[in-house]
Amino acid sequence: MLLLAVMGLVVAGCSEVQLAAHTAKSVRDNGGSGQIGTYKIGQPYQVSGVWYHPVVDYRYDETGIASWYGPGFHGKRTANGETYDQHDLTAAHPTLPLPSMVRVTNLENGRSLKLRINDRGPFSNNRIIDISKRGAQLLGFEKEGTAKVRVTVLETESRQLAAAAQGKAVSEPKVQEAVYRPEDVEPVKQQVAAAPVSSVSTERLMEDSQQKEELPEPDGVVSQQSIGSSDLYIQAGSFTQYSNATRLADRLSTHGDVRIAPASVDGREFYRVQLGPVASVNDADGLLENLISSGYKQSHVVVQ
């Protein structure tokens, strides 16, 4: 973690059931510190040979592996200048604007929780989010250390936070263009994401927030969602041309079971080359490391 540096899943039947043991009495009890920090998107940056491209993306909805961080960073500065508190409901993300609000769902037990993004990371084993210790406790994976999760941006709250952090009402936060690979290759969304334009006015949302005299904070409510089964795969490539996918699949056959999974992304058809399913997160980490060291540097973990 660098504090200053930087599906086919079916999720349905959401029931807003607040777990009694986690009942919140105040903003602070819910994990909200009242901090706002500075608004930050940031320039593309590189960590351990991997490039990350921060962008505004209110459609962000991804699955992958979550980790958590706590005592070793407690009291230090986050990437947007806040003081990290492991007891707050916050998280680190490699590319989303700081601050942003997301909903994280643990795909292993169905627990779902709002978290505020205020830091950069994680940067190991292709994790997609690093959650505070308190967040990991509420989502039920503190002891395990990792969990299969779904991360979804909450647009309204994220726009309110963006406007407040910038200190003024604006029609749209500054948008950085996404960087794409050659036409035949699908962008890796964990590192590069599009920045859609929405008709929702940040200025109007900021006015609403000022009228309420409070900023959106994670409410500490743990929802229980009905979830389907999920499996881990390592995706080594994704192509519009089936012939390119089959060539890669042939080369990867010595590393394990390979499949080619069709997918539609923004109206375009892709063929994803994946190894798996993989039995555990540890096994996925080992296979991912092996593929990257073998030259397949765009490989990453997916949950499907």
C-alpha atoms as a PDB file:
ATOM      1  CA  MET A   1       0.000   0.000   0.000  1.00  0.00           C
ATOM      2  CA  LEU A   2       1.306   3.422  -0.950  1.00  0.00           C
ATOM      3  CA  LEU A   3      -0.643   5.915   1.106  1.00  0.00           C
ATOM      4  CA  LEU A   4       0.811   9.012  -0.480  1.00  0.00           C
ATOM      5  CA  ALA A   5       1.622   7.661  -3.924  1.00  0.00           C
ATOM      6  CA  VAL A   6      -0.030   6.573  -5.326  1.00  0.00           C
ATOM      7  CA  MET A   7     -19.758 -11.142 -14.321  1.00  0.00           C
ATOM      8  CA  GLY A   8     -21.527 -13.377 -14.878  1.00  0.00           C
ATOM      9  CA  LEU A   9     -22.797 -12.996 -11.359  1.00  0.00           C
ATOM     10  CA  VAL A  10     -26.418 -12.836 -10.310  1.00  0.00           C
ATOM     11  CA  VAL A  11     -27.001 -10.603  -7.355  1.00  0.00           C
ATOM     12  CA  ALA A  12     -30.648 -10.225  -6.516  1.00  0.00           C
ATOM     13  CA  GLY A  13     -33.187 -10.013  -3.747  1.00  0.00           C
ATOM     14  CA  CYS A  14     -31.442  -7.300  -1.756  1.00  0.00           C
ATOM     15  CA  SER A  15     -32.943  -7.022   1.695  1.00  0.00           C
ATOM     16  CA  GLU A  16     -31.984  -3.983   3.774  1.00  0.00           C
ATOM     17  CA  VAL A  17     -31.523  -5.961   6.964  1.00  0.00           C
ATOM     18  CA  GLN A  18     -29.325  -4.177   9.454  1.00  0.00           C
ATOM     19  CA  LEU A  19     -27.411  -6.699  11.545  1.00  0.00           C
ATOM     20  CA  ALA A  20     -28.173  -6.001  15.192  1.00  0.00           C
ATOM     21  CA  ALA A  21     -24.569  -6.311  16.291  1.00  0.00           C
ATOM     22  CA  HIS A  22     -23.599  -3.540  13.891  1.00  0.00           C
ATOM     23  CA  THR A  23     -26.285  -0.999  14.744  1.00  0.00           C
ATOM     24  CA  ALA A  24     -24.889   2.540  14.395  1.00  0.00           C
ATOM     25  CA  LYS A  25     -25.718   5.368  16.776  1.00  0.00           C
ATOM     26  CA  SER A  26     -23.850   8.243  15.139  1.00  0.00           C
ATOM     27  CA  VAL A  27     -21.781   9.170  12.108  1.00  0.00           C
ATOM     28  CA  ARG A  28     -18.593   8.394  14.022  1.00  0.00           C
ATOM     29  CA  ASP A  29     -19.938   5.030  15.210  1.00  0.00           C
ATOM     30  CA  ASN A  30     -20.829   4.200  11.618  1.00  0.00           C
ATOM     31  CA  GLY A  31     -17.246   4.665  10.562  1.00  0.00           C
ATOM     32  CA  GLY A  32     -17.532   8.237   9.316  1.00  0.00           C
ATOM     33  CA  SER A  33     -14.872  10.657  10.525  1.00  0.00           C
ATOM     34  CA  GLY A  34     -16.237  13.833   8.953  1.00  0.00           C
ATOM     35  CA  GLN A  35     -13.040  14.133   6.886  1.00  0.00           C
ATOM     36  CA  ILE A  36     -13.290  15.102   3.245  1.00  0.00           C
ATOM     37  CA  GLY A  37      -9.697  15.509   2.026  1.00  0.00           C
ATOM     38  CA  THR A  38      -8.834  17.046  -1.324  1.00  0.00           C
ATOM     39  CA  TYR A  39     -10.423  16.022  -4.614  1.00  0.00           C
ATOM     40  CA  LYS A  40      -8.004  13.902  -6.594  1.00  0.00           C
ATOM     41  CA  ILE A  41      -8.102  12.007  -9.840  1.00  0.00           C
ATOM     42  CA  GLY A  42      -4.403  12.045 -10.639  1.00  0.00           C
ATOM     43  CA  GLN A  43      -2.201  11.253 -13.609  1.00  0.00           C
ATOM     44  CA  PRO A  44      -1.429   7.714 -14.820  1.00  0.00           C
ATOM     45  CA  TYR A  45       1.139   6.094 -12.557  1.00  0.00           C
ATOM     46  CA  GLN A  46       3.186   2.912 -12.411  1.00  0.00           C
ATOM     47  CA  VAL A  47       3.677   0.540  -9.483  1.00  0.00           C
ATOM     48  CA  SER A  48       5.772  -2.654  -9.776  1.00  0.00           C
ATOM     49  CA  GLY A  49       5.646  -2.479 -13.551  1.00  0.00           C
ATOM     50  CA  VAL A  50       1.868  -2.073 -13.756  1.00  0.00           C
ATOM     51  CA  TRP A  51       0.308   1.133 -15.129  1.00  0.00           C
ATOM     52  CA  TYR A  52      -2.858   2.540 -13.534  1.00  0.00           C
ATOM     53  CA  HIS A  53      -5.024   5.213 -15.217  1.00  0.00           C
ATOM     54  CA  PRO A  54      -7.269   7.096 -12.745  1.00  0.00           C
ATOM     55  CA  VAL A  55     -10.528   8.310 -14.308  1.00  0.00           C
ATOM     56  CA  VAL A  56     -14.039   9.422 -13.387  1.00  0.00           C
ATOM     57  CA  ASP A  57     -16.278   6.398 -13.939  1.00  0.00           C
ATOM     58  CA  TYR A  58     -19.782   6.457 -12.483  1.00  0.00           C
ATOM     59  CA  ARG A  59     -20.599   3.140 -14.185  1.00  0.00           C
ATOM     60  CA  TYR A  60     -17.822   1.249 -12.423  1.00  0.00           C
ATOM     61  CA  ASP A  61     -19.164  -2.187 -11.418  1.00  0.00           C
ATOM     62  CA  GLU A  62     -16.477  -4.863 -11.111  1.00  0.00           C
ATOM     63  CA  THR A  63     -15.802  -8.139  -9.375  1.00  0.00           C
ATOM     64  CA  GLY A  64     -12.500  -9.386  -8.017  1.00  0.00           C
ATOM     65  CA  ILE A  65     -10.541  -9.969  -4.824  1.00  0.00           C
ATOM     66  CA  ALA A  66     -10.615  -7.573  -1.855  1.00  0.00           C
ATOM     67  CA  SER A  67      -8.005  -7.322   0.888  1.00  0.00           C
ATOM     68  CA  TRP A  68      -7.886  -5.136   4.016  1.00  0.00           C
ATOM     69  CA  TYR A  69      -5.323  -2.952   5.760  1.00  0.00           C
ATOM     70  CA  GLY A  70      -5.160  -1.757   9.353  1.00  0.00           C
ATOM     71  CA  PRO A  71      -2.683  -1.171  12.207  1.00  0.00           C
ATOM     72  CA  GLY A  72       0.402  -0.620  10.047  1.00  0.00           C
ATOM     73  CA  PHE A  73      -1.226   2.388   8.363  1.00  0.00           C
ATOM     74  CA  HIS A  74      -3.420   3.711  11.198  1.00  0.00           C
ATOM     75  CA  GLY A  75      -2.824   7.437  11.716  1.00  0.00           C
ATOM     76  CA  LYS A  76      -0.912   7.934   8.461  1.00  0.00           C
ATOM     77  CA  ARG A  77      -1.950  10.132   5.556  1.00  0.00           C
ATOM     78  CA  THR A  78      -4.098   8.787   2.759  1.00  0.00           C
ATOM     79  CA  ALA A  79      -3.541   9.690  -0.888  1.00  0.00           C
ATOM     80  CA  ASN A  80      -6.013  12.603  -0.673  1.00  0.00           C
ATOM     81  CA  GLY A  81      -4.620  14.032   2.565  1.00  0.00           C
ATOM     82  CA  GLU A  82      -6.947  12.534   5.152  1.00  0.00           C
ATOM     83  CA  THR A  83      -5.771  10.735   8.272  1.00  0.00           C
ATOM     84  CA  TYR A  84      -6.324   7.007   7.905  1.00  0.00           C
ATOM     85  CA  ASP A  85      -8.405   5.474  10.673  1.00  0.00           C
ATOM     86  CA  GLN A  86      -8.721   1.701  10.543  1.00  0.00           C
ATOM     87  CA  HIS A  87     -12.026   1.977  12.435  1.00  0.00           C
ATOM     88  CA  ASP A  88     -13.653   4.148   9.745  1.00  0.00           C
ATOM     89  CA  LEU A  89     -15.594   2.695   6.824  1.00  0.00           C
ATOM     90  CA  THR A  90     -13.125   3.667   4.115  1.00  0.00           C
ATOM     91  CA  ALA A  91     -11.185   1.902   1.372  1.00  0.00           C
ATOM     92  CA  ALA A  92      -8.382   2.283  -1.164  1.00  0.00           C
ATOM     93  CA  HIS A  93      -8.848   1.898  -4.927  1.00  0.00           C
ATOM     94  CA  PRO A  94      -6.254   2.188  -7.729  1.00  0.00           C
ATOM     95  CA  THR A  95      -8.230   4.377 -10.165  1.00  0.00           C
ATOM     96  CA  LEU A  96     -11.507   5.804  -8.816  1.00  0.00           C
ATOM     97  CA  PRO A  97     -11.615   9.528  -7.915  1.00  0.00           C
ATOM     98  CA  LEU A  98     -10.864  10.476  -4.312  1.00  0.00           C
ATOM     99  CA  PRO A  99     -13.230  10.733  -2.557  1.00  0.00           C
ATOM    100  CA  SER A 100     -15.888   8.399  -4.006  1.00  0.00           C
ATOM    101  CA  MET A 101     -18.624   6.252  -2.481  1.00  0.00           C
ATOM    102  CA  VAL A 102     -18.987   2.583  -3.373  1.00  0.00           C
ATOM    103  CA  ARG A 103     -21.032  -0.415  -2.313  1.00  0.00           C
ATOM    104  CA  VAL A 104     -18.952  -3.521  -1.649  1.00  0.00           C
ATOM    105  CA  THR A 105     -20.653  -6.920  -1.582  1.00  0.00           C
ATOM    106  CA  ASN A 106     -18.914  -9.995  -0.216  1.00  0.00           C
ATOM    107  CA  LEU A 107     -19.782 -12.656  -2.794  1.00  0.00           C
ATOM    108  CA  GLU A 108     -18.973 -15.429  -0.338  1.00  0.00           C
ATOM    109  CA  ASN A 109     -21.523 -14.534   2.354  1.00  0.00           C
ATOM    110  CA  GLY A 110     -23.815 -11.929   0.748  1.00  0.00           C
ATOM    111  CA  ARG A 111     -22.960  -9.093   3.146  1.00  0.00           C
ATOM    112  CA  SER A 112     -23.015  -5.640   1.520  1.00  0.00           C
ATOM    113  CA  LEU A 113     -21.791  -2.293   2.843  1.00  0.00           C
ATOM    114  CA  LYS A 114     -21.173   1.301   1.730  1.00  0.00           C
ATOM    115  CA  LEU A 115     -17.557   2.507   1.894  1.00  0.00           C
ATOM    116  CA  ARG A 116     -15.862   5.816   1.082  1.00  0.00           C
ATOM    117  CA  ILE A 117     -12.784   5.665  -1.159  1.00  0.00           C
ATOM    118  CA  ASN A 118     -10.062   7.986   0.157  1.00  0.00           C
ATOM    119  CA  ASP A 119      -6.787   6.235  -0.702  1.00  0.00           C
ATOM    120  CA  ARG A 120      -4.830   4.566  -3.507  1.00  0.00           C
ATOM    121  CA  GLY A 121      -4.127   0.842  -3.642  1.00  0.00           C
ATOM    122  CA  PRO A 122      -3.961  -2.109  -3.448  1.00  0.00           C
ATOM    123  CA  PHE A 123      -1.013  -2.924  -5.695  1.00  0.00           C
ATOM    124  CA  SER A 124      -0.436  -6.651  -5.188  1.00  0.00           C
ATOM    125  CA  ASN A 125      -1.843  -9.771  -6.844  1.00  0.00           C
ATOM    126  CA  ASN A 126      -4.363  -7.758  -8.846  1.00  0.00           C
ATOM    127  CA  ARG A 127      -6.598  -6.985  -5.843  1.00  0.00           C
ATOM    128  CA  ILE A 128      -9.312  -4.520  -6.821  1.00  0.00           C
ATOM    129  CA  ILE A 129      -9.934  -2.834  -3.444  1.00  0.00           C
ATOM    130  CA  ASP A 130      -8.265  -2.547  -0.034  1.00  0.00           C
ATOM    131  CA  ILE A 131     -10.762  -2.112   2.799  1.00  0.00           C
ATOM    132  CA  SER A 132     -10.343  -0.729   6.314  1.00  0.00           C
ATOM    133  CA  LYS A 133     -10.170  -3.172   9.211  1.00  0.00           C
ATOM    134  CA  ARG A 134     -13.665  -2.171  10.355  1.00  0.00           C
ATOM    135  CA  GLY A 135     -15.049  -2.669   6.864  1.00  0.00           C
ATOM    136  CA  ALA A 136     -13.495  -6.140   6.691  1.00  0.00           C
ATOM    137  CA  GLN A 137     -15.034  -7.007  10.054  1.00  0.00           C
ATOM    138  CA  LEU A 138     -18.525  -5.963   8.961  1.00  0.00           C
ATOM    139  CA  LEU A 139     -18.186  -7.749   5.616  1.00  0.00           C
ATOM    140  CA  GLY A 140     -17.034 -10.868   7.419  1.00  0.00           C
ATOM    141  CA  PHE A 141     -13.551 -11.507   6.040  1.00  0.00           C
ATOM    142  CA  GLU A 142     -11.166 -10.009   8.604  1.00  0.00           C
ATOM    143  CA  LYS A 143      -9.772 -13.416   9.633  1.00  0.00           C
ATOM    144  CA  GLU A 144      -9.480 -14.733   6.067  1.00  0.00           C
ATOM    145  CA  GLY A 145      -7.716 -11.575   4.864  1.00  0.00           C
ATOM    146  CA  THR A 146      -9.289 -11.664   1.400  1.00  0.00           C
ATOM    147  CA  ALA A 147     -12.715 -12.179  -0.155  1.00  0.00           C
ATOM    148  CA  LYS A 148     -14.402 -12.346  -3.542  1.00  0.00           C
ATOM    149  CA  VAL A 149     -16.315  -9.085  -3.882  1.00  0.00           C
ATOM    150  CA  ARG A 150     -18.361  -6.898  -6.159  1.00  0.00           C
ATOM    151  CA  VAL A 151     -17.571  -3.149  -6.110  1.00  0.00           C
ATOM    152  CA  THR A 152     -20.172  -0.706  -7.458  1.00  0.00           C
ATOM    153  CA  VAL A 153     -19.840   3.085  -7.589  1.00  0.00           C
ATOM    154  CA  LEU A 154     -22.706   5.048  -6.019  1.00  0.00           C
ATOM    155  CA  GLU A 155     -23.065   7.984  -8.383  1.00  0.00           C
ATOM    156  CA  THR A 156     -25.160  10.427  -6.349  1.00  0.00           C
ATOM    157  CA  GLU A 157     -23.024  10.183  -3.201  1.00  0.00           C
ATOM    158  CA  SER A 158     -19.804  10.242  -5.235  1.00  0.00           C
ATOM    159  CA  ARG A 159     -20.828  13.440  -7.004  1.00  0.00           C
ATOM    160  CA  GLN A 160     -21.717  15.090  -3.708  1.00  0.00           C
ATOM    161  CA  LEU A 161     -18.344  14.149  -2.245  1.00  0.00           C
ATOM    162  CA  ALA A 162     -16.526  15.356  -5.369  1.00  0.00           C
ATOM    163  CA  ALA A 163     -18.246  18.734  -5.280  1.00  0.00           C
ATOM    164  CA  ALA A 164     -17.625  19.196  -1.559  1.00  0.00           C
ATOM    165  CA  ALA A 165     -13.958  18.187  -1.834  1.00  0.00           C
ATOM    166  CA  GLN A 166     -13.422  20.684  -4.653  1.00  0.00           C
ATOM    167  CA  GLY A 167     -14.873  23.405  -2.456  1.00  0.00           C
ATOM    168  CA  LYS A 168     -17.339  24.607  -5.040  1.00  0.00           C
ATOM    169  CA  ALA A 169     -20.273  23.482  -7.150  1.00  0.00           C
ATOM    170  CA  VAL A 170     -19.313  22.380 -10.640  1.00  0.00           C
ATOM    171  CA  SER A 171     -21.329  21.017 -13.552  1.00  0.00           C
ATOM    172  CA  GLU A 172     -18.965  18.041 -13.959  1.00  0.00           C
ATOM    173  CA  PRO A 173     -15.769  16.930 -12.217  1.00  0.00           C
ATOM    174  CA  LYS A 174     -12.738  17.062 -14.504  1.00  0.00           C
ATOM    175  CA  VAL A 175     -12.698  13.949 -16.672  1.00  0.00           C
ATOM    176  CA  GLN A 176      -9.532  12.255 -17.846  1.00  0.00           C
ATOM    177  CA  GLU A 177      -9.752  10.283 -21.069  1.00  0.00           C
ATOM    178  CA  ALA A 178      -9.286   6.549 -20.799  1.00  0.00           C
ATOM    179  CA  VAL A 179      -6.317   4.984 -22.543  1.00  0.00           C
ATOM    180  CA  TYR A 180      -7.148   1.938 -24.658  1.00  0.00           C
ATOM    181  CA  ARG A 181      -5.059  -0.800 -26.136  1.00  0.00           C
ATOM    182  CA  PRO A 182      -5.180  -1.820 -29.806  1.00  0.00           C
ATOM    183  CA  GLU A 183      -8.648  -2.205 -31.292  1.00  0.00           C
ATOM    184  CA  ASP A 184      -8.674  -5.985 -31.128  1.00  0.00           C
ATOM    185  CA  VAL A 185      -7.994  -6.127 -27.380  1.00  0.00           C
ATOM    186  CA  GLU A 186     -10.521  -5.475 -24.632  1.00  0.00           C
ATOM    187  CA  PRO A 187      -9.421  -2.833 -22.075  1.00  0.00           C
ATOM    188  CA  VAL A 188      -8.591  -4.197 -18.615  1.00  0.00           C
ATOM    189  CA  LYS A 189     -11.198  -2.465 -16.502  1.00  0.00           C
ATOM    190  CA  GLN A 190      -9.353  -2.865 -13.233  1.00  0.00           C
ATOM    191  CA  GLN A 191      -6.671  -0.540 -14.617  1.00  0.00           C
ATOM    192  CA  VAL A 192      -8.440   1.490 -17.312  1.00  0.00           C
ATOM    193  CA  ALA A 193     -12.072   2.607 -17.228  1.00  0.00           C
ATOM    194  CA  ALA A 194     -14.267   4.858 -19.371  1.00  0.00           C
ATOM    195  CA  ALA A 195     -15.604   8.145 -18.019  1.00  0.00           C
ATOM    196  CA  PRO A 196     -19.241   8.488 -19.105  1.00  0.00           C
ATOM    197  CA  VAL A 197     -21.079  11.793 -19.078  1.00  0.00           C
ATOM    198  CA  SER A 198     -24.192  11.778 -16.932  1.00  0.00           C
ATOM    199  CA  SER A 199     -27.153  14.131 -17.010  1.00  0.00           C
ATOM    200  CA  VAL A 200     -27.154  14.397 -13.216  1.00  0.00           C
ATOM    201  CA  SER A 201     -26.007  17.869 -12.162  1.00  0.00           C
ATOM    202  CA  THR A 202     -23.232  17.948  -9.561  1.00  0.00           C
ATOM    203  CA  GLU A 203     -24.204  21.545  -8.811  1.00  0.00           C
ATOM    204  CA  ARG A 204     -27.753  20.520  -7.939  1.00  0.00           C
ATOM    205  CA  LEU A 205     -26.475  17.623  -5.834  1.00  0.00           C
ATOM    206  CA  MET A 206     -24.084  19.932  -4.004  1.00  0.00           C
ATOM    207  CA  GLU A 207     -26.946  22.313  -3.222  1.00  0.00           C
ATOM    208  CA  ASP A 208     -28.965  19.402  -1.859  1.00  0.00           C
ATOM    209  CA  SER A 209     -26.009  18.362   0.277  1.00  0.00           C
ATOM    210  CA  GLN A 210     -25.588  21.880   1.653  1.00  0.00           C
ATOM    211  CA  GLN A 211     -29.272  22.019   2.499  1.00  0.00           C
ATOM    212  CA  LYS A 212     -28.892  18.828   4.504  1.00  0.00           C
ATOM    213  CA  GLU A 213     -25.822  20.370   6.193  1.00  0.00           C
ATOM    214  CA  GLU A 214     -23.973  17.092   6.086  1.00  0.00           C
ATOM    215  CA  LEU A 215     -21.834  15.132   3.677  1.00  0.00           C
ATOM    216  CA  PRO A 216     -22.751  11.629   2.568  1.00  0.00           C
ATOM    217  CA  GLU A 217     -21.118   9.118   4.895  1.00  0.00           C
ATOM    218  CA  PRO A 218     -21.186   5.321   5.024  1.00  0.00           C
ATOM    219  CA  ASP A 219     -24.194   4.507   7.188  1.00  0.00           C
ATOM    220  CA  GLY A 220     -22.832   1.340   8.773  1.00  0.00           C
ATOM    221  CA  VAL A 221     -25.828  -0.681   7.609  1.00  0.00           C
ATOM    222  CA  VAL A 222     -24.905  -4.213   6.554  1.00  0.00           C
ATOM    223  CA  SER A 223     -27.367  -5.514   3.969  1.00  0.00           C
ATOM    224  CA  GLN A 224     -27.796  -9.207   3.311  1.00  0.00           C
ATOM    225  CA  GLN A 225     -28.024  -9.991  -0.385  1.00  0.00           C
ATOM    226  CA  SER A 226     -28.951 -13.203  -2.149  1.00  0.00           C
ATOM    227  CA  ILE A 227     -26.026 -14.242  -4.310  1.00  0.00           C
ATOM    228  CA  GLY A 228     -25.320 -16.985  -6.800  1.00  0.00           C
ATOM    229  CA  SER A 229     -22.261 -19.211  -6.846  1.00  0.00           C
ATOM    230  CA  SER A 230     -19.004 -17.671  -8.069  1.00  0.00           C
ATOM    231  CA  ASP A 231     -15.695 -19.013  -9.348  1.00  0.00           C
ATOM    232  CA  LEU A 232     -12.202 -17.604  -9.693  1.00  0.00           C
ATOM    233  CA  TYR A 233     -10.489 -17.422 -13.078  1.00  0.00           C
ATOM    234  CA  ILE A 234      -7.287 -15.890 -14.392  1.00  0.00           C
ATOM    235  CA  GLN A 235      -7.978 -13.915 -17.550  1.00  0.00           C
ATOM    236  CA  ALA A 236      -4.922 -13.728 -19.785  1.00  0.00           C
ATOM    237  CA  GLY A 237      -6.435 -11.877 -22.731  1.00  0.00           C
ATOM    238  CA  SER A 238      -9.588 -10.755 -24.492  1.00  0.00           C
ATOM    239  CA  PHE A 239     -10.001 -10.266 -28.253  1.00  0.00           C
ATOM    240  CA  THR A 240     -12.577  -9.330 -30.856  1.00  0.00           C
ATOM    241  CA  GLN A 241     -11.135 -11.940 -33.208  1.00  0.00           C
ATOM    242  CA  TYR A 242     -11.850 -15.541 -32.196  1.00  0.00           C
ATOM    243  CA  SER A 243      -8.744 -16.755 -34.031  1.00  0.00           C
ATOM    244  CA  ASN A 244      -6.533 -14.587 -31.793  1.00  0.00           C
ATOM    245  CA  ALA A 245      -8.244 -15.997 -28.707  1.00  0.00           C
ATOM    246  CA  THR A 246      -7.694 -19.585 -29.834  1.00  0.00           C
ATOM    247  CA  ARG A 247      -4.000 -18.931 -30.486  1.00  0.00           C
ATOM    248  CA  LEU A 248      -3.540 -17.616 -26.960  1.00  0.00           C
ATOM    249  CA  ALA A 249      -5.582 -20.484 -25.516  1.00  0.00           C
ATOM    250  CA  ASP A 250      -3.316 -22.993 -27.244  1.00  0.00           C
ATOM    251  CA  ARG A 251      -0.210 -21.369 -25.781  1.00  0.00           C
ATOM    252  CA  LEU A 252      -1.728 -21.370 -22.277  1.00  0.00           C
ATOM    253  CA  SER A 253      -2.811 -25.013 -22.288  1.00  0.00           C
ATOM    254  CA  THR A 254       0.361 -26.062 -20.440  1.00  0.00           C
ATOM    255  CA  HIS A 255      -0.621 -23.835 -17.491  1.00  0.00           C
ATOM    256  CA  GLY A 256      -3.985 -25.503 -16.787  1.00  0.00           C
ATOM    257  CA  ASP A 257      -7.554 -25.767 -18.003  1.00  0.00           C
ATOM    258  CA  VAL A 258      -8.334 -23.014 -20.514  1.00  0.00           C
ATOM    259  CA  ARG A 259     -11.680 -21.738 -21.745  1.00  0.00           C
ATOM    260  CA  ILE A 260     -12.783 -19.056 -24.206  1.00  0.00           C
ATOM    261  CA  ALA A 261     -15.720 -17.098 -22.785  1.00  0.00           C
ATOM    262  CA  PRO A 262     -17.706 -14.781 -25.123  1.00  0.00           C
ATOM    263  CA  ALA A 263     -18.701 -11.407 -23.646  1.00  0.00           C
ATOM    264  CA  SER A 264     -20.366  -8.220 -24.829  1.00  0.00           C
ATOM    265  CA  VAL A 265     -18.822  -4.906 -23.742  1.00  0.00           C
ATOM    266  CA  ASP A 266     -20.476  -1.641 -24.802  1.00  0.00           C
ATOM    267  CA  GLY A 267     -22.020  -3.346 -27.810  1.00  0.00           C
ATOM    268  CA  ARG A 268     -18.804  -5.059 -28.935  1.00  0.00           C
ATOM    269  CA  GLU A 269     -18.221  -8.811 -28.800  1.00  0.00           C
ATOM    270  CA  PHE A 270     -15.063 -10.110 -27.141  1.00  0.00           C
ATOM    271  CA  TYR A 271     -13.593 -13.552 -26.583  1.00  0.00           C
ATOM    272  CA  ARG A 272     -11.996 -13.835 -23.156  1.00  0.00           C
ATOM    273  CA  VAL A 273      -9.234 -16.378 -22.629  1.00  0.00           C
ATOM    274  CA  GLN A 274      -9.376 -17.648 -19.049  1.00  0.00           C
ATOM    275  CA  LEU A 275      -7.727 -20.349 -16.940  1.00  0.00           C
ATOM    276  CA  GLY A 276      -9.730 -22.058 -14.241  1.00  0.00           C
ATOM    277  CA  PRO A 277     -11.835 -22.306 -12.286  1.00  0.00           C
ATOM    278  CA  VAL A 278      -9.233 -21.915  -9.546  1.00  0.00           C
ATOM    279  CA  ALA A 279      -9.911 -23.493  -6.176  1.00  0.00           C
ATOM    280  CA  SER A 280      -8.765 -20.687  -3.851  1.00  0.00           C
ATOM    281  CA  VAL A 281      -7.374 -17.169  -3.678  1.00  0.00           C
ATOM    282  CA  ASN A 282      -3.938 -18.579  -2.835  1.00  0.00           C
ATOM    283  CA  ASP A 283      -4.057 -20.822  -5.898  1.00  0.00           C
ATOM    284  CA  ALA A 284      -5.160 -17.858  -8.021  1.00  0.00           C
ATOM    285  CA  ASP A 285      -2.254 -15.780  -6.711  1.00  0.00           C
ATOM    286  CA  GLY A 286       0.215 -18.528  -7.588  1.00  0.00           C
ATOM    287  CA  LEU A 287      -1.158 -19.041 -11.087  1.00  0.00           C
ATOM    288  CA  LEU A 288      -1.271 -15.296 -11.722  1.00  0.00           C
ATOM    289  CA  GLU A 289       2.344 -14.867 -10.663  1.00  0.00           C
ATOM    290  CA  ASN A 290       3.356 -17.744 -12.910  1.00  0.00           C
ATOM    291  CA  LEU A 291       1.571 -16.278 -15.938  1.00  0.00           C
ATOM    292  CA  ILE A 292       2.992 -12.790 -15.430  1.00  0.00           C
ATOM    293  CA  SER A 293       6.520 -14.145 -15.058  1.00  0.00           C
ATOM    294  CA  SER A 294       5.947 -16.115 -18.283  1.00  0.00           C
ATOM    295  CA  GLY A 295       5.273 -12.886 -20.133  1.00  0.00           C
ATOM    296  CA  TYR A 296       1.476 -12.653 -19.938  1.00  0.00           C
ATOM    297  CA  LYS A 297       1.595  -9.339 -18.102  1.00  0.00           C
ATOM    298  CA  GLN A 298      -2.049  -8.361 -18.714  1.00  0.00           C
ATOM    299  CA  SER A 299      -3.301 -11.393 -16.790  1.00  0.00           C
ATOM    300  CA  HIS A 300      -5.649 -10.622 -13.918  1.00  0.00           C
ATOM    301  CA  VAL A 301      -8.090 -12.303 -11.541  1.00  0.00           C
ATOM    302  CA  VAL A 302     -11.811 -12.293 -12.368  1.00  0.00           C
ATOM    303  CA  VAL A 303     -14.795 -13.634 -10.435  1.00  0.00           C
ATOM    304  CA  GLN A 304     -17.579 -15.190 -12.475  1.00  0.00           C
END
